[in-house]
């Protein structure tokens, strides 16, 4: 039996500048994403598509979802393996191609997780866990483009006496 989970958000367009969508250049792409009990997330479209660069766009949120899902699985797998992670960052990036008709699709995402662990003798294990995390990540399993990993595992510098 499959365990089913449901996710709900509320999206509100806030870009009506007085004349709605009466023309392509007459409205803002701004919107607000909310979830029950969560702070609002300010969104827009990519500036290339007349959006606000100070707000998150859907493409960034897709890349962020992939990075966050991978991180959460990595932390879980490391905890299960008794590998102590003390720092985790990721500088992920995605490539989207736009077709002549205006449609588009992502063609790839590269995750660049940098994981700091306390025991440097376990770095090879951490590298192997990245592949396992990728196979378990709900978001990566749901997209139709490759999600690659360029992980780096480090240990903290030796403490000074």
N, C-alpha and C. Protein backbone atom coordinates (compact mmCIF):
# COMPACT_ATOMS: atom_id res chain seq x y z
N UNK A 1 0.84 -1.18 0.00
CA UNK A 1 0.00 0.00 0.00
C UNK A 1 0.89 1.25 0.00
N UNK A 2 0.61 2.18 -0.88
CA UNK A 2 1.36 3.41 -0.93
C UNK A 2 0.85 4.40 0.10
N UNK A 3 1.77 5.12 0.69
CA UNK A 3 1.44 6.17 1.64
C UNK A 3 1.33 7.47 0.84
N UNK A 4 0.21 8.14 0.93
CA UNK A 4 -0.03 9.33 0.12
C UNK A 4 0.03 10.58 0.97
N UNK A 5 0.69 11.61 0.47
CA UNK A 5 0.79 12.90 1.16
C UNK A 5 0.28 13.98 0.23
N UNK A 6 -0.35 14.98 0.79
CA UNK A 6 -0.89 16.08 0.00
C UNK A 6 -0.25 17.38 0.45
N UNK A 7 0.04 18.27 -0.49
CA UNK A 7 0.70 19.54 -0.20
C UNK A 7 -0.14 20.66 -0.79
N UNK A 8 -0.46 21.62 0.04
CA UNK A 8 -1.31 22.72 -0.39
C UNK A 8 -0.58 24.05 -0.17
N UNK A 9 -0.68 24.90 -1.13
CA UNK A 9 -0.19 26.27 -1.01
C UNK A 9 -1.31 27.17 -1.54
N UNK A 10 -1.17 28.43 -1.27
CA UNK A 10 -2.08 29.42 -1.83
C UNK A 10 -1.22 30.42 -2.60
N UNK A 11 -1.62 30.68 -3.82
CA UNK A 11 -0.93 31.63 -4.68
C UNK A 11 -1.87 32.78 -4.99
N UNK A 12 -1.39 34.00 -4.79
CA UNK A 12 -2.21 35.17 -5.11
C UNK A 12 -1.41 36.12 -5.99
N UNK A 13 -1.95 36.41 -7.15
CA UNK A 13 -1.33 37.38 -8.05
C UNK A 13 -1.55 38.77 -7.46
N UNK A 14 -0.49 39.55 -7.34
CA UNK A 14 -0.57 40.89 -6.76
C UNK A 14 -0.16 41.95 -7.77
N UNK A 15 -0.13 41.58 -9.04
CA UNK A 15 0.42 42.45 -10.06
C UNK A 15 -0.55 43.26 -10.88
N UNK A 16 -1.81 43.34 -10.47
CA UNK A 16 -2.75 44.18 -11.21
C UNK A 16 -2.40 45.64 -10.94
N UNK A 17 -1.99 46.34 -11.97
CA UNK A 17 -1.59 47.74 -11.82
C UNK A 17 -2.69 48.69 -12.25
N UNK A 18 -3.92 48.20 -12.22
CA UNK A 18 -5.06 49.05 -12.50
C UNK A 18 -5.85 48.65 -13.73
N UNK A 19 -5.21 47.98 -14.68
CA UNK A 19 -5.95 47.59 -15.89
C UNK A 19 -5.83 46.09 -16.17
N UNK A 20 -5.48 45.33 -15.12
CA UNK A 20 -5.38 43.88 -15.28
C UNK A 20 -4.43 43.49 -16.38
N UNK A 21 -4.79 42.49 -17.12
CA UNK A 21 -3.94 42.00 -18.21
C UNK A 21 -4.41 42.55 -19.56
N UNK A 22 -4.73 43.84 -19.57
CA UNK A 22 -5.20 44.46 -20.81
C UNK A 22 -4.11 44.52 -21.88
N UNK A 23 -2.87 44.33 -21.50
CA UNK A 23 -1.75 44.27 -22.43
C UNK A 23 -0.58 43.57 -21.78
N UNK A 24 0.32 43.02 -22.59
CA UNK A 24 1.45 42.25 -22.07
C UNK A 24 2.34 43.09 -21.15
N UNK A 25 2.43 44.36 -21.39
CA UNK A 25 3.30 45.23 -20.60
C UNK A 25 2.56 46.02 -19.53
N UNK A 26 1.29 45.75 -19.33
CA UNK A 26 0.48 46.55 -18.40
C UNK A 26 0.34 45.95 -17.01
N UNK A 27 0.88 44.78 -16.80
CA UNK A 27 0.73 44.14 -15.49
C UNK A 27 2.06 43.65 -14.97
N UNK A 28 2.14 43.55 -13.66
CA UNK A 28 3.32 43.01 -12.98
C UNK A 28 3.16 41.50 -12.83
N UNK A 29 4.25 40.81 -12.80
CA UNK A 29 4.23 39.35 -12.62
C UNK A 29 4.30 38.96 -11.14
N UNK A 30 4.22 39.93 -10.25
CA UNK A 30 4.36 39.69 -8.82
C UNK A 30 3.22 38.83 -8.27
N UNK A 31 3.59 37.98 -7.34
CA UNK A 31 2.62 37.14 -6.66
C UNK A 31 3.16 36.77 -5.28
N UNK A 32 2.29 36.25 -4.44
CA UNK A 32 2.66 35.83 -3.09
C UNK A 32 2.23 34.38 -2.92
N UNK A 33 3.15 33.58 -2.41
CA UNK A 33 2.87 32.17 -2.12
C UNK A 33 2.81 32.04 -0.60
N UNK A 34 1.73 31.44 -0.11
CA UNK A 34 1.60 31.24 1.33
C UNK A 34 1.18 29.80 1.61
N UNK A 35 1.48 29.38 2.81
CA UNK A 35 1.04 28.10 3.34
C UNK A 35 0.58 28.34 4.76
N UNK A 36 -0.29 27.53 5.25
CA UNK A 36 -0.84 27.71 6.59
C UNK A 36 0.29 27.76 7.62
N UNK A 37 0.33 28.85 8.37
CA UNK A 37 1.30 29.01 9.44
C UNK A 37 2.71 29.32 8.98
N UNK A 38 2.88 29.70 7.71
CA UNK A 38 4.21 29.98 7.18
C UNK A 38 4.29 31.42 6.68
N UNK A 39 5.48 32.01 6.71
CA UNK A 39 5.61 33.37 6.19
C UNK A 39 5.42 33.39 4.68
N UNK A 40 4.97 34.51 4.15
CA UNK A 40 4.78 34.59 2.70
C UNK A 40 6.11 34.55 1.94
N UNK A 41 6.04 33.97 0.76
CA UNK A 41 7.19 33.90 -0.14
C UNK A 41 6.85 34.78 -1.34
N UNK A 42 7.66 35.79 -1.56
CA UNK A 42 7.38 36.73 -2.64
C UNK A 42 7.93 36.20 -3.95
N UNK A 43 7.06 36.10 -4.95
CA UNK A 43 7.45 35.55 -6.23
C UNK A 43 7.17 36.51 -7.37
N UNK A 44 7.81 36.24 -8.48
CA UNK A 44 7.60 36.98 -9.72
C UNK A 44 8.09 36.08 -10.84
N UNK A 45 8.22 36.61 -12.03
CA UNK A 45 8.85 35.83 -13.09
C UNK A 45 10.31 36.28 -13.20
N UNK A 46 11.08 35.55 -13.96
CA UNK A 46 12.46 35.92 -14.22
C UNK A 46 12.45 37.31 -14.87
N UNK A 47 13.42 38.16 -14.55
CA UNK A 47 13.46 39.48 -15.16
C UNK A 47 13.44 39.46 -16.69
N UNK A 48 13.97 38.39 -17.29
CA UNK A 48 13.93 38.26 -18.74
C UNK A 48 12.48 38.23 -19.24
N UNK A 49 11.57 37.77 -18.38
CA UNK A 49 10.16 37.67 -18.73
C UNK A 49 9.34 38.75 -18.01
N UNK A 50 9.95 39.91 -17.82
CA UNK A 50 9.31 41.09 -17.23
C UNK A 50 9.02 40.95 -15.74
N UNK A 51 9.81 40.14 -15.04
CA UNK A 51 9.60 39.95 -13.61
C UNK A 51 10.49 40.82 -12.76
N UNK A 52 10.29 40.72 -11.46
CA UNK A 52 11.02 41.49 -10.46
C UNK A 52 12.20 40.66 -9.96
N UNK A 53 13.41 41.13 -10.20
CA UNK A 53 14.62 40.40 -9.82
C UNK A 53 14.76 40.26 -8.31
N UNK A 54 14.05 41.06 -7.53
CA UNK A 54 14.14 40.99 -6.08
C UNK A 54 13.26 39.89 -5.49
N UNK A 55 12.49 39.21 -6.34
CA UNK A 55 11.59 38.15 -5.88
C UNK A 55 12.03 36.81 -6.49
N UNK A 56 11.66 35.72 -5.82
CA UNK A 56 11.95 34.39 -6.35
C UNK A 56 11.07 34.10 -7.56
N UNK A 57 11.66 33.42 -8.55
CA UNK A 57 10.86 33.01 -9.71
C UNK A 57 10.66 31.50 -9.66
N UNK A 58 9.69 30.97 -10.40
CA UNK A 58 9.41 29.53 -10.35
C UNK A 58 10.62 28.67 -10.70
N UNK A 59 11.45 29.15 -11.60
CA UNK A 59 12.63 28.37 -11.99
C UNK A 59 13.60 28.23 -10.83
N UNK A 60 13.82 29.31 -10.09
CA UNK A 60 14.68 29.24 -8.91
C UNK A 60 14.09 28.32 -7.85
N UNK A 61 12.77 28.37 -7.71
CA UNK A 61 12.12 27.53 -6.70
C UNK A 61 12.23 26.04 -7.05
N UNK A 62 12.21 25.72 -8.34
CA UNK A 62 12.39 24.33 -8.75
C UNK A 62 13.81 23.85 -8.40
N UNK A 63 14.81 24.66 -8.71
CA UNK A 63 16.19 24.30 -8.38
C UNK A 63 16.34 24.19 -6.85
N UNK A 64 15.74 25.13 -6.13
CA UNK A 64 15.81 25.09 -4.67
C UNK A 64 15.14 23.84 -4.11
N UNK A 65 14.03 23.43 -4.70
CA UNK A 65 13.34 22.21 -4.25
C UNK A 65 14.22 20.98 -4.42
N UNK A 66 14.90 20.89 -5.55
CA UNK A 66 15.80 19.76 -5.78
C UNK A 66 16.96 19.77 -4.78
N UNK A 67 17.55 20.94 -4.55
CA UNK A 67 18.67 21.04 -3.61
C UNK A 67 18.23 20.71 -2.19
N UNK A 68 17.08 21.23 -1.78
CA UNK A 68 16.60 20.98 -0.42
C UNK A 68 16.24 19.52 -0.21
N UNK A 69 15.60 18.90 -1.19
CA UNK A 69 15.23 17.49 -1.07
C UNK A 69 16.49 16.63 -0.93
N UNK A 70 17.49 16.90 -1.76
CA UNK A 70 18.74 16.14 -1.69
C UNK A 70 19.39 16.33 -0.32
N UNK A 71 19.44 17.58 0.16
CA UNK A 71 20.06 17.86 1.46
C UNK A 71 19.34 17.10 2.57
N UNK A 72 18.03 17.14 2.57
CA UNK A 72 17.29 16.48 3.65
C UNK A 72 17.53 14.97 3.65
N UNK A 73 17.61 14.36 2.47
CA UNK A 73 17.93 12.94 2.40
C UNK A 73 19.36 12.68 2.86
N UNK A 74 20.30 13.54 2.46
CA UNK A 74 21.69 13.35 2.89
C UNK A 74 21.81 13.43 4.41
N UNK A 75 21.19 14.41 5.01
CA UNK A 75 21.26 14.53 6.47
C UNK A 75 20.67 13.29 7.13
N UNK A 76 19.56 12.80 6.59
CA UNK A 76 18.93 11.58 7.13
C UNK A 76 19.86 10.38 6.99
N UNK A 77 20.41 10.20 5.80
CA UNK A 77 21.28 9.04 5.56
C UNK A 77 22.56 9.12 6.39
N UNK A 78 23.12 10.30 6.52
CA UNK A 78 24.32 10.45 7.35
C UNK A 78 24.00 10.16 8.82
N UNK A 79 22.88 10.65 9.30
CA UNK A 79 22.49 10.37 10.68
C UNK A 79 22.32 8.87 10.89
N UNK A 80 21.66 8.19 9.95
CA UNK A 80 21.49 6.74 10.06
C UNK A 80 22.82 6.00 10.06
N UNK A 81 23.81 6.53 9.33
CA UNK A 81 25.12 5.89 9.24
C UNK A 81 26.08 6.36 10.33
N UNK A 82 25.59 7.16 11.26
CA UNK A 82 26.41 7.73 12.34
C UNK A 82 27.58 8.57 11.79
N UNK A 83 27.32 9.27 10.68
CA UNK A 83 28.27 10.23 10.13
C UNK A 83 27.79 11.60 10.57
N UNK A 84 28.63 12.32 11.30
CA UNK A 84 28.21 13.60 11.86
C UNK A 84 28.50 14.71 10.86
N UNK A 85 27.43 15.32 10.36
CA UNK A 85 27.53 16.47 9.47
C UNK A 85 27.43 17.72 10.34
N UNK A 86 28.37 18.64 10.16
CA UNK A 86 28.32 19.87 10.96
C UNK A 86 28.07 21.11 10.09
N UNK A 87 28.12 20.92 8.77
CA UNK A 87 27.82 22.03 7.87
C UNK A 87 27.42 21.46 6.52
N UNK A 88 26.46 22.10 5.88
CA UNK A 88 26.00 21.65 4.56
C UNK A 88 25.58 22.89 3.78
N UNK A 89 26.15 23.09 2.61
CA UNK A 89 25.73 24.16 1.72
C UNK A 89 25.61 23.58 0.31
N UNK A 90 24.89 24.27 -0.54
CA UNK A 90 24.76 23.83 -1.93
C UNK A 90 24.62 25.06 -2.81
N UNK A 91 25.41 25.13 -3.84
CA UNK A 91 25.30 26.18 -4.86
C UNK A 91 24.80 25.53 -6.13
N UNK A 92 23.51 25.27 -6.16
CA UNK A 92 22.88 24.53 -7.26
C UNK A 92 22.54 25.47 -8.41
N UNK A 93 22.51 24.91 -9.61
CA UNK A 93 22.14 25.69 -10.79
C UNK A 93 21.37 24.83 -11.78
N UNK A 94 20.50 25.48 -12.54
CA UNK A 94 19.71 24.78 -13.53
C UNK A 94 19.77 25.47 -14.87
N UNK A 95 19.52 24.71 -15.93
CA UNK A 95 19.50 25.24 -17.30
C UNK A 95 18.11 25.02 -17.87
N UNK A 96 17.53 26.10 -18.37
CA UNK A 96 16.23 26.02 -19.01
C UNK A 96 16.39 26.52 -20.44
N UNK A 97 15.81 25.79 -21.38
CA UNK A 97 15.82 26.20 -22.78
C UNK A 97 14.43 26.70 -23.15
N UNK A 98 14.41 27.81 -23.89
CA UNK A 98 13.14 28.36 -24.37
C UNK A 98 13.03 28.04 -25.85
N UNK A 99 11.89 27.50 -26.23
CA UNK A 99 11.62 27.11 -27.61
C UNK A 99 11.10 28.30 -28.42
N UNK A 100 11.18 28.20 -29.75
CA UNK A 100 10.69 29.30 -30.60
C UNK A 100 9.24 29.71 -30.34
N UNK A 101 8.40 28.77 -29.89
CA UNK A 101 7.00 29.11 -29.64
C UNK A 101 6.77 29.73 -28.26
N UNK A 102 7.85 29.94 -27.49
CA UNK A 102 7.74 30.53 -26.16
C UNK A 102 7.67 29.52 -25.04
N UNK A 103 7.41 28.26 -25.36
CA UNK A 103 7.41 27.23 -24.32
C UNK A 103 8.86 26.96 -23.93
N UNK A 104 9.05 26.17 -22.93
CA UNK A 104 10.41 25.85 -22.51
C UNK A 104 10.42 24.69 -21.56
N UNK A 105 11.61 24.27 -21.24
CA UNK A 105 11.78 23.17 -20.29
C UNK A 105 13.19 23.20 -19.73
N UNK A 106 13.30 22.68 -18.52
CA UNK A 106 14.62 22.50 -17.93
C UNK A 106 15.30 21.35 -18.66
N UNK A 107 16.59 21.51 -18.91
CA UNK A 107 17.36 20.45 -19.54
C UNK A 107 18.32 19.79 -18.56
N UNK A 108 18.63 20.47 -17.46
CA UNK A 108 19.49 19.87 -16.45
C UNK A 108 19.54 20.74 -15.20
N UNK A 109 19.89 20.11 -14.11
CA UNK A 109 20.20 20.80 -12.85
C UNK A 109 21.45 20.14 -12.31
N UNK A 110 22.35 20.96 -11.78
CA UNK A 110 23.56 20.45 -11.13
C UNK A 110 23.53 20.90 -9.67
N UNK A 111 23.58 19.94 -8.77
CA UNK A 111 23.70 20.22 -7.35
C UNK A 111 25.17 20.19 -6.99
N UNK A 112 25.59 21.14 -6.18
CA UNK A 112 26.99 21.22 -5.75
C UNK A 112 27.07 21.26 -4.22
N UNK A 113 26.63 20.17 -3.59
CA UNK A 113 26.65 20.15 -2.12
C UNK A 113 28.07 20.12 -1.57
N UNK A 114 28.27 20.90 -0.53
CA UNK A 114 29.55 20.92 0.19
C UNK A 114 29.22 20.52 1.62
N UNK A 115 29.69 19.34 2.00
CA UNK A 115 29.32 18.74 3.28
C UNK A 115 30.55 18.65 4.17
N UNK A 116 30.44 19.23 5.35
CA UNK A 116 31.53 19.14 6.31
C UNK A 116 31.16 18.09 7.35
N UNK A 117 32.05 17.10 7.52
CA UNK A 117 31.82 16.03 8.50
C UNK A 117 32.94 16.04 9.53
N UNK A 118 32.67 15.46 10.68
CA UNK A 118 33.67 15.48 11.75
C UNK A 118 34.75 14.42 11.58
N UNK A 119 34.45 13.33 10.87
CA UNK A 119 35.40 12.22 10.73
C UNK A 119 35.86 12.11 9.28
N UNK A 120 37.05 12.61 8.98
CA UNK A 120 37.54 12.64 7.60
C UNK A 120 37.75 11.25 7.02
N UNK A 121 37.82 10.22 7.85
CA UNK A 121 38.01 8.86 7.33
C UNK A 121 36.74 8.33 6.66
N UNK A 122 35.64 9.06 6.75
CA UNK A 122 34.36 8.58 6.21
C UNK A 122 33.92 9.33 4.95
N UNK A 123 34.84 10.06 4.35
CA UNK A 123 34.49 10.87 3.18
C UNK A 123 33.99 10.03 2.01
N UNK A 124 34.59 8.87 1.79
CA UNK A 124 34.13 8.01 0.69
C UNK A 124 32.69 7.55 0.93
N UNK A 125 32.34 7.27 2.17
CA UNK A 125 30.97 6.87 2.49
C UNK A 125 29.99 7.99 2.17
N UNK A 126 30.38 9.22 2.49
CA UNK A 126 29.50 10.36 2.22
C UNK A 126 29.29 10.51 0.72
N UNK A 127 30.33 10.34 -0.06
CA UNK A 127 30.20 10.42 -1.52
C UNK A 127 29.20 9.37 -2.02
N UNK A 128 29.28 8.18 -1.50
CA UNK A 128 28.35 7.12 -1.91
C UNK A 128 26.92 7.44 -1.48
N UNK A 129 26.77 8.10 -0.36
CA UNK A 129 25.42 8.44 0.11
C UNK A 129 24.74 9.46 -0.80
N UNK A 130 25.52 10.27 -1.52
CA UNK A 130 24.92 11.22 -2.46
C UNK A 130 24.11 10.47 -3.52
N UNK A 131 24.64 9.37 -4.02
CA UNK A 131 23.90 8.60 -5.03
C UNK A 131 22.63 8.00 -4.43
N UNK A 132 22.74 7.52 -3.21
CA UNK A 132 21.56 6.95 -2.56
C UNK A 132 20.51 8.04 -2.33
N UNK A 133 20.96 9.21 -1.88
CA UNK A 133 20.03 10.32 -1.65
C UNK A 133 19.32 10.71 -2.94
N UNK A 134 20.06 10.73 -4.03
CA UNK A 134 19.46 11.07 -5.32
C UNK A 134 18.36 10.08 -5.69
N UNK A 135 18.60 8.82 -5.45
CA UNK A 135 17.60 7.80 -5.75
C UNK A 135 16.37 7.86 -4.87
N UNK A 136 16.51 8.47 -3.69
CA UNK A 136 15.40 8.57 -2.75
C UNK A 136 14.65 9.90 -2.84
N UNK A 137 15.27 10.92 -3.39
CA UNK A 137 14.68 12.26 -3.41
C UNK A 137 13.39 12.28 -4.23
N UNK A 138 12.31 12.66 -3.57
CA UNK A 138 10.99 12.69 -4.21
C UNK A 138 10.97 13.63 -5.41
N UNK A 139 11.63 14.77 -5.26
CA UNK A 139 11.58 15.79 -6.32
C UNK A 139 12.41 15.32 -7.51
N UNK A 140 13.63 14.85 -7.28
CA UNK A 140 14.49 14.38 -8.38
C UNK A 140 13.85 13.22 -9.13
N UNK A 141 13.12 12.38 -8.42
CA UNK A 141 12.45 11.25 -9.07
C UNK A 141 11.25 11.69 -9.90
N UNK A 142 10.82 12.93 -9.72
CA UNK A 142 9.61 13.42 -10.38
C UNK A 142 9.88 14.27 -11.62
N UNK A 143 11.11 14.67 -11.83
CA UNK A 143 11.41 15.54 -12.97
C UNK A 143 11.88 14.72 -14.17
N UNK A 144 11.74 15.29 -15.36
CA UNK A 144 12.09 14.55 -16.59
C UNK A 144 13.38 15.05 -17.23
N UNK A 145 14.28 15.56 -16.42
CA UNK A 145 15.59 16.01 -16.90
C UNK A 145 16.64 15.52 -15.91
N UNK A 146 17.90 15.43 -16.36
CA UNK A 146 18.93 14.92 -15.45
C UNK A 146 19.26 15.90 -14.32
N UNK A 147 19.45 15.33 -13.15
CA UNK A 147 19.93 16.07 -11.98
C UNK A 147 21.28 15.45 -11.62
N UNK A 148 22.33 16.22 -11.85
CA UNK A 148 23.68 15.73 -11.58
C UNK A 148 24.18 16.27 -10.23
N UNK A 149 25.23 15.63 -9.73
CA UNK A 149 25.81 16.01 -8.44
C UNK A 149 27.30 16.22 -8.60
N UNK A 150 27.79 17.29 -8.04
CA UNK A 150 29.22 17.56 -7.96
C UNK A 150 29.54 17.83 -6.49
N UNK A 151 29.49 16.77 -5.67
CA UNK A 151 29.64 16.96 -4.23
C UNK A 151 31.10 17.18 -3.81
N UNK A 152 31.23 17.86 -2.71
CA UNK A 152 32.53 18.05 -2.07
C UNK A 152 32.33 17.71 -0.60
N UNK A 153 33.21 16.88 -0.07
CA UNK A 153 33.15 16.52 1.34
C UNK A 153 34.44 17.01 1.99
N UNK A 154 34.29 17.71 3.09
CA UNK A 154 35.45 18.26 3.79
C UNK A 154 35.34 17.97 5.27
N UNK A 155 36.44 18.14 5.97
CA UNK A 155 36.43 18.03 7.43
C UNK A 155 36.91 19.36 7.98
N UNK A 156 36.55 19.66 9.22
CA UNK A 156 36.94 20.95 9.77
C UNK A 156 38.46 21.03 9.92
N UNK A 157 38.98 22.24 9.86
CA UNK A 157 40.43 22.39 10.07
C UNK A 157 40.77 21.97 11.49
N UNK A 158 42.00 21.50 11.68
CA UNK A 158 42.39 21.09 13.04
C UNK A 158 42.32 22.30 13.98
N UNK A 159 41.88 22.01 15.18
CA UNK A 159 41.81 23.11 16.17
C UNK A 159 43.20 23.43 16.69
N UNK A 160 43.37 24.67 16.99
CA UNK A 160 44.68 25.13 17.51
C UNK A 160 44.72 24.97 19.00
N UNK A 161 45.87 24.54 19.51
CA UNK A 161 45.98 24.36 20.99
C UNK A 161 45.99 25.67 21.72
